[in-house]
Amino acid sequence: MAAKAQKVTQMPSRPAKDPIAREKQLIARAVDLAEKQLIDGTASPSVINHYLKAGSSREQLDRENLQKQISLLTAKVEAINNDKDAAASAKQAIEAMKSYSSSNGQ
């Protein structure tokens, strides 16, 4: 365990350049520190409550619900895009028919 605790205290070689990657680095360090505190028995009640809540069945159901909502929204966006493509194709077909019928009548 001492080797793991030593690893937790080391800083990464350099901070990430973009803000999203940097945030992920900091979150990983915070989780590592919380894990160390839980193992050492020095974790604050708020840290303990956070992980108790994260492991609850209700939290898992909420996560599943969010994933399903994301899937539904993705499907809706795809359907809208497909409708736009179909409308554009129909418009092109109508224009082609109009030009065909006007050139055919002359």
PDB file of N, CA and C in Angstrom:
ATOM      1  N   MET A   1       0.809  -1.200   0.000  1.00  0.00           N
ATOM      2  CA  MET A   1       0.000   0.000   0.000  1.00  0.00           C
ATOM      3  C   MET A   1       0.853   1.264   0.000  1.00  0.00           C
ATOM      4  N   ALA A   2       2.025   1.206   0.623  1.00  0.00           N
ATOM      5  CA  ALA A   2       2.869   2.400   0.683  1.00  0.00           C
ATOM      6  C   ALA A   2       3.273   2.854  -0.706  1.00  0.00           C
ATOM      7  N   ALA A   3       3.494   1.913  -1.632  1.00  0.00           N
ATOM      8  CA  ALA A   3       3.868   2.291  -2.994  1.00  0.00           C
ATOM      9  C   ALA A   3       2.721   3.025  -3.673  1.00  0.00           C
ATOM     10  N   LYS A   4       1.504   2.594  -3.423  1.00  0.00           N
ATOM     11  CA  LYS A   4       0.349   3.259  -4.026  1.00  0.00           C
ATOM     12  C   LYS A   4       0.197   4.673  -3.482  1.00  0.00           C
ATOM     13  N   ALA A   5       0.379   4.843  -2.174  1.00  0.00           N
ATOM     14  CA  ALA A   5       0.273   6.175  -1.576  1.00  0.00           C
ATOM     15  C   ALA A   5       1.343   7.095  -2.156  1.00  0.00           C
ATOM     16  N   GLN A   6       2.538   6.563  -2.393  1.00  0.00           N
ATOM     17  CA  GLN A   6       3.603   7.378  -2.984  1.00  0.00           C
ATOM     18  C   GLN A   6       3.212   7.810  -4.393  1.00  0.00           C
ATOM     19  N   LYS A   7       2.604   6.924  -5.155  1.00  0.00           N
ATOM     20  CA  LYS A   7       2.195   7.235  -6.523  1.00  0.00           C
ATOM     21  C   LYS A   7       1.133   8.329  -6.548  1.00  0.00           C
ATOM     22  N   VAL A   8       0.245   8.337  -5.578  1.00  0.00           N
ATOM     23  CA  VAL A   8      -0.828   9.322  -5.519  1.00  0.00           C
ATOM     24  C   VAL A   8      -0.271  10.725  -5.351  1.00  0.00           C
ATOM     25  N   THR A   9       0.821  10.876  -4.611  1.00  0.00           N
ATOM     26  CA  THR A   9       1.345  12.208  -4.333  1.00  0.00           C
ATOM     27  C   THR A   9       2.188  12.778  -5.462  1.00  0.00           C
ATOM     28  N   GLN A  10       2.535  11.979  -6.464  1.00  0.00           N
ATOM     29  CA  GLN A  10       3.344  12.473  -7.568  1.00  0.00           C
ATOM     30  C   GLN A  10       2.485  13.271  -8.540  1.00  0.00           C
ATOM     31  N   MET A  11       3.052  14.382  -9.030  1.00  0.00           N
ATOM     32  CA  MET A  11       2.375  15.195 -10.040  1.00  0.00           C
ATOM     33  C   MET A  11       2.654  14.579 -11.408  1.00  0.00           C
ATOM     34  N   PRO A  12       1.700  14.734 -12.323  1.00  0.00           N
ATOM     35  CA  PRO A  12       1.996  14.297 -13.681  1.00  0.00           C
ATOM     36  C   PRO A  12       3.169  15.107 -14.236  1.00  0.00           C
ATOM     37  N   SER A  13       3.833  14.575 -15.250  1.00  0.00           N
ATOM     38  CA  SER A  13       5.025  15.242 -15.757  1.00  0.00           C
ATOM     39  C   SER A  13       4.740  16.675 -16.188  1.00  0.00           C
ATOM     40  N   ARG A  14       3.590  16.927 -16.795  1.00  0.00           N
ATOM     41  CA  ARG A  14       3.224  18.294 -17.149  1.00  0.00           C
ATOM     42  C   ARG A  14       1.710  18.392 -17.296  1.00  0.00           C
ATOM     43  N   PRO A  15       1.168  19.566 -17.038  1.00  0.00           N
ATOM     44  CA  PRO A  15      -0.275  19.745 -17.185  1.00  0.00           C
ATOM     45  C   PRO A  15      -0.689  19.665 -18.655  1.00  0.00           C
ATOM     46  N   ALA A  16      -1.872  19.185 -18.881  1.00  0.00           N
ATOM     47  CA  ALA A  16      -2.409  19.126 -20.237  1.00  0.00           C
ATOM     48  C   ALA A  16      -2.593  20.547 -20.762  1.00  0.00           C
ATOM     49  N   LYS A  17      -2.531  20.695 -22.073  1.00  0.00           N
ATOM     50  CA  LYS A  17      -2.612  22.036 -22.658  1.00  0.00           C
ATOM     51  C   LYS A  17      -4.039  22.507 -22.849  1.00  0.00           C
ATOM     52  N   ASP A  18      -4.959  21.593 -23.162  1.00  0.00           N
ATOM     53  CA  ASP A  18      -6.329  22.065 -23.348  1.00  0.00           C
ATOM     54  C   ASP A  18      -7.122  21.921 -22.049  1.00  0.00           C
ATOM     55  N   PRO A  19      -8.090  22.801 -21.824  1.00  0.00           N
ATOM     56  CA  PRO A  19      -8.811  22.843 -20.537  1.00  0.00           C
ATOM     57  C   PRO A  19      -9.556  21.551 -20.200  1.00  0.00           C
ATOM     58  N   ILE A  20     -10.090  20.884 -21.174  1.00  0.00           N
ATOM     59  CA  ILE A  20     -10.848  19.654 -20.894  1.00  0.00           C
ATOM     60  C   ILE A  20      -9.915  18.558 -20.395  1.00  0.00           C
ATOM     61  N   ALA A  21      -8.788  18.391 -21.056  1.00  0.00           N
ATOM     62  CA  ALA A  21      -7.820  17.376 -20.619  1.00  0.00           C
ATOM     63  C   ALA A  21      -7.255  17.727 -19.244  1.00  0.00           C
ATOM     64  N   ARG A  22      -7.024  19.013 -19.010  1.00  0.00           N
ATOM     65  CA  ARG A  22      -6.518  19.453 -17.701  1.00  0.00           C
ATOM     66  C   ARG A  22      -7.529  19.141 -16.610  1.00  0.00           C
ATOM     67  N   GLU A  23      -8.792  19.411 -16.890  1.00  0.00           N
ATOM     68  CA  GLU A  23      -9.838  19.111 -15.916  1.00  0.00           C
ATOM     69  C   GLU A  23      -9.867  17.621 -15.605  1.00  0.00           C
ATOM     70  N   LYS A  24      -9.705  16.782 -16.625  1.00  0.00           N
ATOM     71  CA  LYS A  24      -9.680  15.335 -16.402  1.00  0.00           C
ATOM     72  C   LYS A  24      -8.500  14.929 -15.525  1.00  0.00           C
ATOM     73  N   GLN A  25      -7.347  15.567 -15.740  1.00  0.00           N
ATOM     74  CA  GLN A  25      -6.184  15.288 -14.890  1.00  0.00           C
ATOM     75  C   GLN A  25      -6.484  15.629 -13.436  1.00  0.00           C
ATOM     76  N   LEU A  26      -7.064  16.802 -13.220  1.00  0.00           N
ATOM     77  CA  LEU A  26      -7.350  17.246 -11.851  1.00  0.00           C
ATOM     78  C   LEU A  26      -8.404  16.366 -11.189  1.00  0.00           C
ATOM     79  N   ILE A  27      -9.400  15.958 -11.942  1.00  0.00           N
ATOM     80  CA  ILE A  27     -10.424  15.057 -11.398  1.00  0.00           C
ATOM     81  C   ILE A  27      -9.788  13.732 -10.997  1.00  0.00           C
ATOM     82  N   ALA A  28      -8.909  13.215 -11.845  1.00  0.00           N
ATOM     83  CA  ALA A  28      -8.235  11.951 -11.527  1.00  0.00           C
ATOM     84  C   ALA A  28      -7.416  12.085 -10.247  1.00  0.00           C
ATOM     85  N   ARG A  29      -6.737  13.223 -10.078  1.00  0.00           N
ATOM     86  CA  ARG A  29      -5.958  13.432  -8.851  1.00  0.00           C
ATOM     87  C   ARG A  29      -6.867  13.537  -7.626  1.00  0.00           C
ATOM     88  N   ALA A  30      -8.007  14.188  -7.783  1.00  0.00           N
ATOM     89  CA  ALA A  30      -8.944  14.314  -6.660  1.00  0.00           C
ATOM     90  C   ALA A  30      -9.496  12.952  -6.269  1.00  0.00           C
ATOM     91  N   VAL A  31      -9.810  12.129  -7.252  1.00  0.00           N
ATOM     92  CA  VAL A  31     -10.317  10.781  -6.969  1.00  0.00           C
ATOM     93  C   VAL A  31      -9.228   9.954  -6.295  1.00  0.00           C
ATOM     94  N   ASP A  32      -7.990  10.066  -6.784  1.00  0.00           N
ATOM     95  CA  ASP A  32      -6.878   9.346  -6.143  1.00  0.00           C
ATOM     96  C   ASP A  32      -6.714   9.769  -4.683  1.00  0.00           C
ATOM     97  N   LEU A  33      -6.806  11.072  -4.438  1.00  0.00           N
ATOM     98  CA  LEU A  33      -6.669  11.571  -3.072  1.00  0.00           C
ATOM     99  C   LEU A  33      -7.818  11.078  -2.186  1.00  0.00           C
ATOM    100  N   ALA A  34      -9.035  11.093  -2.726  1.00  0.00           N
ATOM    101  CA  ALA A  34     -10.182  10.599  -1.960  1.00  0.00           C
ATOM    102  C   ALA A  34      -9.999   9.116  -1.633  1.00  0.00           C
ATOM    103  N   GLU A  35      -9.482   8.361  -2.605  1.00  0.00           N
ATOM    104  CA  GLU A  35      -9.238   6.935  -2.358  1.00  0.00           C
ATOM    105  C   GLU A  35      -8.210   6.760  -1.235  1.00  0.00           C
ATOM    106  N   LYS A  36      -7.147   7.539  -1.284  1.00  0.00           N
ATOM    107  CA  LYS A  36      -6.114   7.453  -0.246  1.00  0.00           C
ATOM    108  C   LYS A  36      -6.711   7.787   1.123  1.00  0.00           C
ATOM    109  N   GLN A  37      -7.531   8.839   1.178  1.00  0.00           N
ATOM    110  CA  GLN A  37      -8.147   9.231   2.443  1.00  0.00           C
ATOM    111  C   GLN A  37      -9.095   8.149   2.952  1.00  0.00           C
ATOM    112  N   LEU A  38      -9.852   7.522   2.053  1.00  0.00           N
ATOM    113  CA  LEU A  38     -10.750   6.437   2.476  1.00  0.00           C
ATOM    114  C   LEU A  38      -9.954   5.259   3.024  1.00  0.00           C
ATOM    115  N   ILE A  39      -8.848   4.947   2.383  1.00  0.00           N
ATOM    116  CA  ILE A  39      -8.009   3.837   2.850  1.00  0.00           C
ATOM    117  C   ILE A  39      -7.371   4.169   4.198  1.00  0.00           C
ATOM    118  N   ASP A  40      -6.883   5.400   4.336  1.00  0.00           N
ATOM    119  CA  ASP A  40      -6.220   5.826   5.573  1.00  0.00           C
ATOM    120  C   ASP A  40      -7.197   6.093   6.721  1.00  0.00           C
ATOM    121  N   GLY A  41      -8.478   6.230   6.393  1.00  0.00           N
ATOM    122  CA  GLY A  41      -9.466   6.548   7.417  1.00  0.00           C
ATOM    123  C   GLY A  41      -9.512   8.030   7.738  1.00  0.00           C
ATOM    124  N   THR A  42      -8.994   8.871   6.845  1.00  0.00           N
ATOM    125  CA  THR A  42      -8.979  10.309   7.089  1.00  0.00           C
ATOM    126  C   THR A  42      -9.979  11.070   6.215  1.00  0.00           C
ATOM    127  N   ALA A  43     -10.823  10.348   5.502  1.00  0.00           N
ATOM    128  CA  ALA A  43     -11.775  10.994   4.591  1.00  0.00           C
ATOM    129  C   ALA A  43     -12.822  11.775   5.378  1.00  0.00           C
ATOM    130  N   SER A  44     -13.191  12.927   4.848  1.00  0.00           N
ATOM    131  CA  SER A  44     -14.231  13.746   5.486  1.00  0.00           C
ATOM    132  C   SER A  44     -15.598  13.093   5.260  1.00  0.00           C
ATOM    133  N   PRO A  45     -16.568  13.446   6.085  1.00  0.00           N
ATOM    134  CA  PRO A  45     -17.919  12.900   5.885  1.00  0.00           C
ATOM    135  C   PRO A  45     -18.471  13.196   4.485  1.00  0.00           C
ATOM    136  N   SER A  46     -18.140  14.348   3.924  1.00  0.00           N
ATOM    137  CA  SER A  46     -18.664  14.667   2.596  1.00  0.00           C
ATOM    138  C   SER A  46     -18.073  13.745   1.528  1.00  0.00           C
ATOM    139  N   VAL A  47     -16.815  13.362   1.668  1.00  0.00           N
ATOM    140  CA  VAL A  47     -16.200  12.425   0.723  1.00  0.00           C
ATOM    141  C   VAL A  47     -16.858  11.060   0.861  1.00  0.00           C
ATOM    142  N   ILE A  48     -17.050  10.626   2.085  1.00  0.00           N
ATOM    143  CA  ILE A  48     -17.694   9.331   2.329  1.00  0.00           C
ATOM    144  C   ILE A  48     -19.111   9.329   1.760  1.00  0.00           C
ATOM    145  N   ASN A  49     -19.864  10.391   2.038  1.00  0.00           N
ATOM    146  CA  ASN A  49     -21.238  10.475   1.522  1.00  0.00           C
ATOM    147  C   ASN A  49     -21.270  10.493  -0.001  1.00  0.00           C
ATOM    148  N   HIS A  50     -20.317  11.166  -0.610  1.00  0.00           N
ATOM    149  CA  HIS A  50     -20.266  11.213  -2.074  1.00  0.00           C
ATOM    150  C   HIS A  50     -20.172   9.805  -2.652  1.00  0.00           C
ATOM    151  N   TYR A  51     -19.250   8.997  -2.132  1.00  0.00           N
ATOM    152  CA  TYR A  51     -19.059   7.660  -2.675  1.00  0.00           C
ATOM    153  C   TYR A  51     -20.184   6.710  -2.273  1.00  0.00           C
ATOM    154  N   LEU A  52     -20.776   6.924  -1.108  1.00  0.00           N
ATOM    155  CA  LEU A  52     -21.951   6.124  -0.751  1.00  0.00           C
ATOM    156  C   LEU A  52     -23.097   6.402  -1.716  1.00  0.00           C
ATOM    157  N   LYS A  53     -23.306   7.680  -2.022  1.00  0.00           N
ATOM    158  CA  LYS A  53     -24.364   8.051  -2.952  1.00  0.00           C
ATOM    159  C   LYS A  53     -24.065   7.516  -4.355  1.00  0.00           C
ATOM    160  N   ALA A  54     -22.816   7.634  -4.785  1.00  0.00           N
ATOM    161  CA  ALA A  54     -22.432   7.189  -6.127  1.00  0.00           C
ATOM    162  C   ALA A  54     -22.662   5.685  -6.296  1.00  0.00           C
ATOM    163  N   GLY A  55     -22.569   4.949  -5.224  1.00  0.00           N
ATOM    164  CA  GLY A  55     -22.752   3.501  -5.296  1.00  0.00           C
ATOM    165  C   GLY A  55     -24.176   3.033  -5.056  1.00  0.00           C
ATOM    166  N   SER A  56     -25.086   3.956  -4.795  1.00  0.00           N
ATOM    167  CA  SER A  56     -26.456   3.549  -4.483  1.00  0.00           C
ATOM    168  C   SER A  56     -27.199   3.089  -5.737  1.00  0.00           C
ATOM    169  N   SER A  57     -28.209   2.263  -5.531  1.00  0.00           N
ATOM    170  CA  SER A  57     -28.995   1.760  -6.660  1.00  0.00           C
ATOM    171  C   SER A  57     -29.753   2.905  -7.347  1.00  0.00           C
ATOM    172  N   ARG A  58     -30.179   3.884  -6.582  1.00  0.00           N
ATOM    173  CA  ARG A  58     -30.883   5.019  -7.180  1.00  0.00           C
ATOM    174  C   ARG A  58     -29.955   5.782  -8.129  1.00  0.00           C
ATOM    175  N   GLU A  59     -28.728   5.999  -7.708  1.00  0.00           N
ATOM    176  CA  GLU A  59     -27.754   6.704  -8.554  1.00  0.00           C
ATOM    177  C   GLU A  59     -27.497   5.914  -9.829  1.00  0.00           C
ATOM    178  N   GLN A  60     -27.403   4.606  -9.709  1.00  0.00           N
ATOM    179  CA  GLN A  60     -27.189   3.768 -10.897  1.00  0.00           C
ATOM    180  C   GLN A  60     -28.373   3.864 -11.846  1.00  0.00           C
ATOM    181  N   LEU A  61     -29.597   3.873 -11.288  1.00  0.00           N
ATOM    182  CA  LEU A  61     -30.783   4.029 -12.130  1.00  0.00           C
ATOM    183  C   LEU A  61     -30.816   5.406 -12.799  1.00  0.00           C
ATOM    184  N   ASP A  62     -30.417   6.433 -12.057  1.00  0.00           N
ATOM    185  CA  ASP A  62     -30.357   7.779 -12.634  1.00  0.00           C
ATOM    186  C   ASP A  62     -29.368   7.829 -13.794  1.00  0.00           C
ATOM    187  N   ARG A  63     -28.233   7.172 -13.635  1.00  0.00           N
ATOM    188  CA  ARG A  63     -27.236   7.138 -14.719  1.00  0.00           C
ATOM    189  C   ARG A  63     -27.783   6.408 -15.937  1.00  0.00           C
ATOM    190  N   GLU A  64     -28.447   5.277 -15.707  1.00  0.00           N
ATOM    191  CA  GLU A  64     -29.057   4.538 -16.817  1.00  0.00           C
ATOM    192  C   GLU A  64     -30.103   5.396 -17.519  1.00  0.00           C
ATOM    193  N   ASN A  65     -30.904   6.111 -16.738  1.00  0.00           N
ATOM    194  CA  ASN A  65     -31.927   6.989 -17.302  1.00  0.00           C
ATOM    195  C   ASN A  65     -31.294   8.080 -18.160  1.00  0.00           C
ATOM    196  N   LEU A  66     -30.224   8.679 -17.672  1.00  0.00           N
ATOM    197  CA  LEU A  66     -29.528   9.706 -18.454  1.00  0.00           C
ATOM    198  C   LEU A  66     -28.970   9.135 -19.753  1.00  0.00           C
ATOM    199  N   GLN A  67     -28.414   7.931 -19.689  1.00  0.00           N
ATOM    200  CA  GLN A  67     -27.891   7.292 -20.900  1.00  0.00           C
ATOM    201  C   GLN A  67     -29.004   7.053 -21.917  1.00  0.00           C
ATOM    202  N   LYS A  68     -30.166   6.621 -21.431  1.00  0.00           N
ATOM    203  CA  LYS A  68     -31.296   6.387 -22.332  1.00  0.00           C
ATOM    204  C   LYS A  68     -31.806   7.695 -22.925  1.00  0.00           C
ATOM    205  N   GLN A  69     -31.809   8.761 -22.131  1.00  0.00           N
ATOM    206  CA  GLN A  69     -32.220  10.073 -22.646  1.00  0.00           C
ATOM    207  C   GLN A  69     -31.251  10.552 -23.720  1.00  0.00           C
ATOM    208  N   ILE A  70     -29.973  10.326 -23.506  1.00  0.00           N
ATOM    209  CA  ILE A  70     -28.967  10.705 -24.508  1.00  0.00           C
ATOM    210  C   ILE A  70     -29.190   9.915 -25.789  1.00  0.00           C
ATOM    211  N   SER A  71     -29.459   8.613 -25.663  1.00  0.00           N
ATOM    212  CA  SER A  71     -29.718   7.787 -26.843  1.00  0.00           C
ATOM    213  C   SER A  71     -30.955   8.271 -27.585  1.00  0.00           C
ATOM    214  N   LEU A  72     -31.991   8.616 -26.843  1.00  0.00           N
ATOM    215  CA  LEU A  72     -33.223   9.105 -27.454  1.00  0.00           C
ATOM    216  C   LEU A  72     -32.978  10.420 -28.187  1.00  0.00           C
ATOM    217  N   LEU A  73     -32.265  11.340 -27.556  1.00  0.00           N
ATOM    218  CA  LEU A  73     -31.963  12.623 -28.206  1.00  0.00           C
ATOM    219  C   LEU A  73     -31.109  12.424 -29.454  1.00  0.00           C
ATOM    220  N   THR A  74     -30.160  11.504 -29.383  1.00  0.00           N
ATOM    221  CA  THR A  74     -29.327  11.213 -30.550  1.00  0.00           C
ATOM    222  C   THR A  74     -30.180  10.675 -31.689  1.00  0.00           C
ATOM    223  N   ALA A  75     -31.117   9.779 -31.365  1.00  0.00           N
ATOM    224  CA  ALA A  75     -32.006   9.225 -32.391  1.00  0.00           C
ATOM    225  C   ALA A  75     -32.894  10.316 -32.990  1.00  0.00           C
ATOM    226  N   LYS A  76     -33.359  11.239 -32.157  1.00  0.00           N
ATOM    227  CA  LYS A  76     -34.192  12.337 -32.659  1.00  0.00           C
ATOM    228  C   LYS A  76     -33.400  13.235 -33.607  1.00  0.00           C
ATOM    229  N   VAL A  77     -32.157  13.545 -33.240  1.00  0.00           N
ATOM    230  CA  VAL A  77     -31.314  14.375 -34.102  1.00  0.00           C
ATOM    231  C   VAL A  77     -31.082  13.668 -35.440  1.00  0.00           C
ATOM    232  N   GLU A  78     -30.810  12.372 -35.396  1.00  0.00           N
ATOM    233  CA  GLU A  78     -30.612  11.609 -36.634  1.00  0.00           C
ATOM    234  C   GLU A  78     -31.874  11.614 -37.484  1.00  0.00           C
ATOM    235  N   ALA A  79     -33.036  11.470 -36.849  1.00  0.00           N
ATOM    236  CA  ALA A  79     -34.298  11.484 -37.591  1.00  0.00           C
ATOM    237  C   ALA A  79     -34.525  12.844 -38.241  1.00  0.00           C
ATOM    238  N   ILE A  80     -34.221  13.916 -37.520  1.00  0.00           N
ATOM    239  CA  ILE A  80     -34.376  15.265 -38.089  1.00  0.00           C
ATOM    240  C   ILE A  80     -33.446  15.441 -39.280  1.00  0.00           C
ATOM    241  N   ASN A  81     -32.203  15.005 -39.126  1.00  0.00           N
ATOM    242  CA  ASN A  81     -31.250  15.119 -40.234  1.00  0.00           C
ATOM    243  C   ASN A  81     -31.682  14.282 -41.429  1.00  0.00           C
ATOM    244  N   ASN A  82     -32.209  13.089 -41.177  1.00  0.00           N
ATOM    245  CA  ASN A  82     -32.698  12.242 -42.267  1.00  0.00           C
ATOM    246  C   ASN A  82     -33.884  12.892 -42.960  1.00  0.00           C
ATOM    247  N   ASP A  83     -34.773  13.525 -42.191  1.00  0.00           N
ATOM    248  CA  ASP A  83     -35.914  14.230 -42.784  1.00  0.00           C
ATOM    249  C   ASP A  83     -35.446  15.380 -43.662  1.00  0.00           C
ATOM    250  N   LYS A  84     -34.435  16.108 -43.200  1.00  0.00           N
ATOM    251  CA  LYS A  84     -33.887  17.208 -43.996  1.00  0.00           C
ATOM    252  C   LYS A  84     -33.290  16.680 -45.295  1.00  0.00           C
ATOM    253  N   ASP A  85     -32.561  15.576 -45.209  1.00  0.00           N
ATOM    254  CA  ASP A  85     -31.962  14.983 -46.407  1.00  0.00           C
ATOM    255  C   ASP A  85     -33.042  14.512 -47.375  1.00  0.00           C
ATOM    256  N   ALA A  86     -34.091  13.896 -46.827  1.00  0.00           N
ATOM    257  CA  ALA A  86     -35.189  13.416 -47.677  1.00  0.00           C
ATOM    258  C   ALA A  86     -35.907  14.585 -48.333  1.00  0.00           C
ATOM    259  N   ALA A  87     -36.110  15.665 -47.593  1.00  0.00           N
ATOM    260  CA  ALA A  87     -36.775  16.843 -48.160  1.00  0.00           C
ATOM    261  C   ALA A  87     -35.917  17.457 -49.262  1.00  0.00           C
ATOM    262  N   ALA A  88     -34.618  17.515 -49.045  1.00  0.00           N
ATOM    263  CA  ALA A  88     -33.723  18.062 -50.069  1.00  0.00           C
ATOM    264  C   ALA A  88     -33.726  17.175 -51.308  1.00  0.00           C
ATOM    265  N   SER A  89     -33.737  15.877 -51.124  1.00  0.00           N
ATOM    266  CA  SER A  89     -33.778  14.952 -52.258  1.00  0.00           C
ATOM    267  C   SER A  89     -35.094  15.084 -53.017  1.00  0.00           C
ATOM    268  N   ALA A  90     -36.196  15.224 -52.290  1.00  0.00           N
ATOM    269  CA  ALA A  90     -37.508  15.382 -52.933  1.00  0.00           C
ATOM    270  C   ALA A  90     -37.547  16.682 -53.723  1.00  0.00           C
ATOM    271  N   LYS A  91     -37.002  17.746 -53.169  1.00  0.00           N
ATOM    272  CA  LYS A  91     -36.971  19.043 -53.863  1.00  0.00           C
ATOM    273  C   LYS A  91     -36.158  18.933 -55.144  1.00  0.00           C
ATOM    274  N   GLN A  92     -35.017  18.255 -55.070  1.00  0.00           N
ATOM    275  CA  GLN A  92     -34.188  18.070 -56.264  1.00  0.00           C
ATOM    276  C   GLN A  92     -34.935  17.260 -57.324  1.00  0.00           C
ATOM    277  N   ALA A  93     -35.647  16.236 -56.879  1.00  0.00           N
ATOM    278  CA  ALA A  93     -36.400  15.411 -57.828  1.00  0.00           C
ATOM    279  C   ALA A  93     -37.502  16.221 -58.494  1.00  0.00           C
ATOM    280  N   ILE A  94     -38.196  17.056 -57.721  1.00  0.00           N
ATOM    281  CA  ILE A  94     -39.268  17.889 -58.275  1.00  0.00           C
ATOM    282  C   ILE A  94     -38.689  18.881 -59.280  1.00  0.00           C
ATOM    283  N   GLU A  95     -37.572  19.505 -58.920  1.00  0.00           N
ATOM    284  CA  GLU A  95     -36.927  20.451 -59.836  1.00  0.00           C
ATOM    285  C   GLU A  95     -36.499  19.747 -61.118  1.00  0.00           C
ATOM    286  N   ALA A  96     -35.957  18.545 -60.997  1.00  0.00           N
ATOM    287  CA  ALA A  96     -35.544  17.786 -62.185  1.00  0.00           C
ATOM    288  C   ALA A  96     -36.741  17.457 -63.057  1.00  0.00           C
ATOM    289  N   MET A  97     -37.856  17.078 -62.447  1.00  0.00           N
ATOM    290  CA  MET A  97     -39.067  16.765 -63.209  1.00  0.00           C
ATOM    291  C   MET A  97     -39.605  18.008 -63.902  1.00  0.00           C
ATOM    292  N   LYS A  98     -39.569  19.144 -63.204  1.00  0.00           N
ATOM    293  CA  LYS A  98     -40.039  20.394 -63.806  1.00  0.00           C
ATOM    294  C   LYS A  98     -39.188  20.751 -65.025  1.00  0.00           C
ATOM    295  N   SER A  99     -37.875  20.637 -64.875  1.00  0.00           N
ATOM    296  CA  SER A  99     -37.012  20.996 -65.998  1.00  0.00           C
ATOM    297  C   SER A  99     -37.183  19.999 -67.142  1.00  0.00           C
ATOM    298  N   TYR A 100     -37.425  18.755 -66.821  1.00  0.00           N
ATOM    299  CA  TYR A 100     -37.637  17.738 -67.849  1.00  0.00           C
ATOM    300  C   TYR A 100     -38.943  18.025 -68.595  1.00  0.00           C
ATOM    301  N   SER A 101     -40.007  18.306 -67.857  1.00  0.00           N
ATOM    302  CA  SER A 101     -41.314  18.520 -68.489  1.00  0.00           C
ATOM    303  C   SER A 101     -41.335  19.830 -69.292  1.00  0.00           C
ATOM    304  N   SER A 102     -40.613  20.873 -68.844  1.00  0.00           N
ATOM    305  CA  SER A 102     -40.595  22.119 -69.589  1.00  0.00           C
ATOM    306  C   SER A 102     -39.739  21.982 -70.830  1.00  0.00           C
ATOM    307  N   SER A 103     -38.669  21.224 -70.804  1.00  0.00           N
ATOM    308  CA  SER A 103     -37.833  21.039 -71.996  1.00  0.00           C
ATOM    309  C   SER A 103     -38.459  20.022 -72.936  1.00  0.00           C
ATOM    310  N   ASN A 104     -39.252  19.127 -72.411  1.00  0.00           N
ATOM    311  CA  ASN A 104     -39.911  18.095 -73.228  1.00  0.00           C
ATOM    312  C   ASN A 104     -41.078  18.693 -73.983  1.00  0.00           C
ATOM    313  N   GLY A 105     -41.737  19.705 -73.451  1.00  0.00           N
ATOM    314  CA  GLY A 105     -42.900  20.323 -74.073  1.00  0.00           C
ATOM    315  C   GLY A 105     -42.541  21.242 -75.203  1.00  0.00           C
ATOM    316  N   GLN A 106     -41.294  21.651 -75.357  1.00  0.00           N
ATOM    317  CA  GLN A 106     -40.927  22.589 -76.411  1.00  0.00           C
ATOM    318  C   GLN A 106     -40.583  21.924 -77.669  1.00  0.00           C
TER     319      GLN A 106
END
